[in-house]
Amino acid sequence: MTSLDTLPAFLGYFAGSLVLLAIFLWLHEKLLPGQEWALIRQGNPAAALSVAGAAGGFALPLASAIVHSAGFGDMVVWAAISGAVQFGCFLAMRLLRRDVAAALARGDMAEATIMAAGSLILGVLNAACLS
């Protein structure tokens, strides 16, 4: 067995994780209030920080699902569960801070930092629970 024997599995998991991350980010834009991608295109750093935190908060449990899953299908199931947990946490955080969308649109970096940090913290906890 050479180290390249596992290349097909690596490529499959890597491509699959990129697709899952893209789906997560698409759902993030569609399900949550505010148009963060439009704000990012306008050069809004607060929106960029918020989206980056959300992406990192999902990527952490996704990585854990890749490491701990029994196969590709199992990884997809746990990624979906992790995504649902992240969205639940986002909604809870946004209930506590009802004006998040407006704050991000104003470029409020304090609000963006809290959202990004919350997403990452919850992502770490989510990932640890998958081990």
C-alpha atoms as a PDB file:
ATOM      1  CA  MET A   1       0.000   0.000   0.000  1.00  0.00           C
ATOM      2  CA  THR A   2       1.349   3.400  -0.952  1.00  0.00           C
ATOM      3  CA  SER A   3       0.317   6.701   0.492  1.00  0.00           C
ATOM      4  CA  LEU A   4      -1.510   7.474  -2.759  1.00  0.00           C
ATOM      5  CA  ASP A   5      -3.883   4.540  -2.240  1.00  0.00           C
ATOM      6  CA  THR A   6      -6.065   6.788  -0.098  1.00  0.00           C
ATOM      7  CA  LEU A   7      -6.089   9.649  -2.612  1.00  0.00           C
ATOM      8  CA  PRO A   8      -9.583   8.805  -3.946  1.00  0.00           C
ATOM      9  CA  ALA A   9     -11.019   8.869  -0.411  1.00  0.00           C
ATOM     10  CA  PHE A  10      -9.247  12.162   0.307  1.00  0.00           C
ATOM     11  CA  LEU A  11     -10.605  13.710  -2.880  1.00  0.00           C
ATOM     12  CA  GLY A  12     -14.116  12.452  -2.152  1.00  0.00           C
ATOM     13  CA  TYR A  13     -14.192  13.763   1.399  1.00  0.00           C
ATOM     14  CA  PHE A  14     -12.554  17.056   0.421  1.00  0.00           C
ATOM     15  CA  ALA A  15     -14.958  17.673  -2.470  1.00  0.00           C
ATOM     16  CA  GLY A  16     -17.893  16.587  -0.338  1.00  0.00           C
ATOM     17  CA  SER A  17     -16.881  18.930   2.476  1.00  0.00           C
ATOM     18  CA  LEU A  18     -16.606  21.862   0.061  1.00  0.00           C
ATOM     19  CA  VAL A  19     -20.086  21.117  -1.284  1.00  0.00           C
ATOM     20  CA  LEU A  20     -21.478  20.860   2.264  1.00  0.00           C
ATOM     21  CA  LEU A  21     -19.807  24.131   3.236  1.00  0.00           C
ATOM     22  CA  ALA A  22     -21.251  25.839   0.145  1.00  0.00           C
ATOM     23  CA  ILE A  23     -24.732  24.511   1.009  1.00  0.00           C
ATOM     24  CA  PHE A  24     -24.338  25.733   4.590  1.00  0.00           C
ATOM     25  CA  LEU A  25     -23.324  29.219   3.445  1.00  0.00           C
ATOM     26  CA  TRP A  26     -26.176  29.329   0.930  1.00  0.00           C
ATOM     27  CA  LEU A  27     -28.667  28.324   3.646  1.00  0.00           C
ATOM     28  CA  HIS A  28     -27.092  30.844   6.018  1.00  0.00           C
ATOM     29  CA  GLU A  29     -27.833  33.598   3.518  1.00  0.00           C
ATOM     30  CA  LYS A  30     -31.375  32.370   2.750  1.00  0.00           C
ATOM     31  CA  LEU A  31     -32.593  31.497   6.246  1.00  0.00           C
ATOM     32  CA  LEU A  32     -31.192  34.305   8.366  1.00  0.00           C
ATOM     33  CA  PRO A  33     -32.249  37.951   8.232  1.00  0.00           C
ATOM     34  CA  GLY A  34     -29.954  40.371   6.464  1.00  0.00           C
ATOM     35  CA  GLN A  35     -28.144  40.120   3.169  1.00  0.00           C
ATOM     36  CA  GLU A  36     -24.592  39.582   4.363  1.00  0.00           C
ATOM     37  CA  TRP A  37     -23.136  38.602   0.968  1.00  0.00           C
ATOM     38  CA  ALA A  38     -24.480  41.798  -0.596  1.00  0.00           C
ATOM     39  CA  LEU A  39     -22.935  43.759   2.275  1.00  0.00           C
ATOM     40  CA  ILE A  40     -19.622  41.963   1.753  1.00  0.00           C
ATOM     41  CA  ARG A  41     -19.666  42.887  -1.936  1.00  0.00           C
ATOM     42  CA  GLN A  42     -20.118  46.512  -0.808  1.00  0.00           C
ATOM     43  CA  GLY A  43     -16.993  46.212   1.346  1.00  0.00           C
ATOM     44  CA  ASN A  44     -18.671  45.811   4.755  1.00  0.00           C
ATOM     45  CA  PRO A  45     -16.082  44.210   7.103  1.00  0.00           C
ATOM     46  CA  ALA A  46     -18.652  43.500   9.834  1.00  0.00           C
ATOM     47  CA  ALA A  47     -20.679  41.300   7.501  1.00  0.00           C
ATOM     48  CA  ALA A  48     -17.491  39.590   6.319  1.00  0.00           C
ATOM     49  CA  LEU A  49     -16.451  38.813   9.896  1.00  0.00           C
ATOM     50  CA  SER A  50     -19.895  37.449  10.720  1.00  0.00           C
ATOM     51  CA  VAL A  51     -19.927  35.151   7.671  1.00  0.00           C
ATOM     52  CA  ALA A  52     -16.339  34.036   8.329  1.00  0.00           C
ATOM     53  CA  GLY A  53     -17.298  33.095  11.886  1.00  0.00           C
ATOM     54  CA  ALA A  54     -20.319  31.178  10.656  1.00  0.00           C
ATOM     55  CA  ALA A  55     -18.197  29.311   8.093  1.00  0.00           C
ATOM     56  CA  GLY A  56     -15.608  28.451  10.741  1.00  0.00           C
ATOM     57  CA  GLY A  57     -18.326  27.440  13.182  1.00  0.00           C
ATOM     58  CA  PHE A  58     -19.616  24.924  10.643  1.00  0.00           C
ATOM     59  CA  ALA A  59     -16.223  23.790   9.355  1.00  0.00           C
ATOM     60  CA  LEU A  60     -15.093  22.684  12.826  1.00  0.00           C
ATOM     61  CA  PRO A  61     -17.864  20.104  13.370  1.00  0.00           C
ATOM     62  CA  LEU A  62     -17.663  19.165   9.680  1.00  0.00           C
ATOM     63  CA  ALA A  63     -13.992  18.306  10.167  1.00  0.00           C
ATOM     64  CA  SER A  64     -14.891  16.290  13.258  1.00  0.00           C
ATOM     65  CA  ALA A  65     -17.584  14.457  11.296  1.00  0.00           C
ATOM     66  CA  ILE A  66     -15.027  13.570   8.609  1.00  0.00           C
ATOM     67  CA  VAL A  67     -12.590  12.225  11.196  1.00  0.00           C
ATOM     68  CA  HIS A  68     -15.126  10.280  13.261  1.00  0.00           C
ATOM     69  CA  SER A  69     -17.612   9.031  10.666  1.00  0.00           C
ATOM     70  CA  ALA A  70     -17.941   5.419   9.590  1.00  0.00           C
ATOM     71  CA  GLY A  71     -18.154   6.433   5.921  1.00  0.00           C
ATOM     72  CA  PHE A  72     -19.081   9.197   3.522  1.00  0.00           C
ATOM     73  CA  GLY A  73     -22.835   8.872   4.090  1.00  0.00           C
ATOM     74  CA  ASP A  74     -22.345   8.949   7.851  1.00  0.00           C
ATOM     75  CA  MET A  75     -20.260  12.119   7.471  1.00  0.00           C
ATOM     76  CA  VAL A  76     -23.031  13.779   5.446  1.00  0.00           C
ATOM     77  CA  VAL A  77     -25.643  12.882   8.092  1.00  0.00           C
ATOM     78  CA  TRP A  78     -23.519  14.282  10.931  1.00  0.00           C
ATOM     79  CA  ALA A  79     -22.697  17.380   8.898  1.00  0.00           C
ATOM     80  CA  ALA A  80     -26.432  17.971   8.396  1.00  0.00           C
ATOM     81  CA  ILE A  81     -27.056  17.524  12.123  1.00  0.00           C
ATOM     82  CA  SER A  82     -24.193  19.896  12.914  1.00  0.00           C
ATOM     83  CA  GLY A  83     -25.568  22.453  10.463  1.00  0.00           C
ATOM     84  CA  ALA A  84     -28.995  22.236  12.086  1.00  0.00           C
ATOM     85  CA  VAL A  85     -27.412  22.739  15.513  1.00  0.00           C
ATOM     86  CA  GLN A  86     -25.494  25.781  14.214  1.00  0.00           C
ATOM     87  CA  PHE A  87     -28.663  27.299  12.735  1.00  0.00           C
ATOM     88  CA  GLY A  88     -30.484  26.719  16.015  1.00  0.00           C
ATOM     89  CA  CYS A  89     -27.692  28.496  17.833  1.00  0.00           C
ATOM     90  CA  PHE A  90     -27.703  31.364  15.312  1.00  0.00           C
ATOM     91  CA  LEU A  91     -31.420  31.824  15.800  1.00  0.00           C
ATOM     92  CA  ALA A  92     -31.021  31.810  19.591  1.00  0.00           C
ATOM     93  CA  MET A  93     -28.189  34.362  19.381  1.00  0.00           C
ATOM     94  CA  ARG A  94     -30.245  36.551  17.064  1.00  0.00           C
ATOM     95  CA  LEU A  95     -33.201  36.409  19.458  1.00  0.00           C
ATOM     96  CA  LEU A  96     -30.923  37.802  22.139  1.00  0.00           C
ATOM     97  CA  ARG A  97     -29.702  40.487  19.730  1.00  0.00           C
ATOM     98  CA  ARG A  98     -32.725  41.339  17.597  1.00  0.00           C
ATOM     99  CA  ASP A  99     -31.036  44.126  15.660  1.00  0.00           C
ATOM    100  CA  VAL A 100     -28.087  42.065  14.380  1.00  0.00           C
ATOM    101  CA  ALA A 101     -28.972  42.492  10.701  1.00  0.00           C
ATOM    102  CA  ALA A 102     -29.203  46.269  11.061  1.00  0.00           C
ATOM    103  CA  ALA A 103     -26.013  46.391  13.139  1.00  0.00           C
ATOM    104  CA  LEU A 104     -24.092  44.415  10.522  1.00  0.00           C
ATOM    105  CA  ALA A 105     -25.486  46.635   7.769  1.00  0.00           C
ATOM    106  CA  ARG A 106     -24.147  49.661   9.711  1.00  0.00           C
ATOM    107  CA  GLY A 107     -20.755  47.971   9.908  1.00  0.00           C
ATOM    108  CA  ASP A 108     -20.912  47.422  13.678  1.00  0.00           C
ATOM    109  CA  MET A 109     -17.716  45.428  14.326  1.00  0.00           C
ATOM    110  CA  ALA A 110     -18.598  44.777  17.979  1.00  0.00           C
ATOM    111  CA  GLU A 111     -21.804  43.015  16.916  1.00  0.00           C
ATOM    112  CA  ALA A 112     -19.956  41.120  14.182  1.00  0.00           C
ATOM    113  CA  THR A 113     -17.289  40.016  16.646  1.00  0.00           C
ATOM    114  CA  ILE A 114     -19.884  38.666  19.078  1.00  0.00           C
ATOM    115  CA  MET A 115     -21.648  36.786  16.256  1.00  0.00           C
ATOM    116  CA  ALA A 116     -18.399  35.372  14.867  1.00  0.00           C
ATOM    117  CA  ALA A 117     -17.068  34.391  18.291  1.00  0.00           C
ATOM    118  CA  GLY A 118     -20.386  32.817  19.251  1.00  0.00           C
ATOM    119  CA  SER A 119     -20.429  30.815  16.016  1.00  0.00           C
ATOM    120  CA  LEU A 120     -16.876  29.590  16.563  1.00  0.00           C
ATOM    121  CA  ILE A 121     -17.417  28.740  20.228  1.00  0.00           C
ATOM    122  CA  LEU A 122     -20.564  26.789  19.432  1.00  0.00           C
ATOM    123  CA  GLY A 123     -18.756  25.123  16.527  1.00  0.00           C
ATOM    124  CA  VAL A 124     -15.985  23.924  18.847  1.00  0.00           C
ATOM    125  CA  LEU A 125     -18.540  22.511  21.294  1.00  0.00           C
ATOM    126  CA  ASN A 126     -20.506  20.967  18.430  1.00  0.00           C
ATOM    127  CA  ALA A 127     -17.316  19.356  17.054  1.00  0.00           C
ATOM    128  CA  ALA A 128     -16.298  17.994  20.446  1.00  0.00           C
ATOM    129  CA  CYS A 129     -19.676  16.331  20.837  1.00  0.00           C
ATOM    130  CA  LEU A 130     -19.116  14.440  17.582  1.00  0.00           C
ATOM    131  CA  SER A 131     -16.015  12.672  18.855  1.00  0.00           C
END
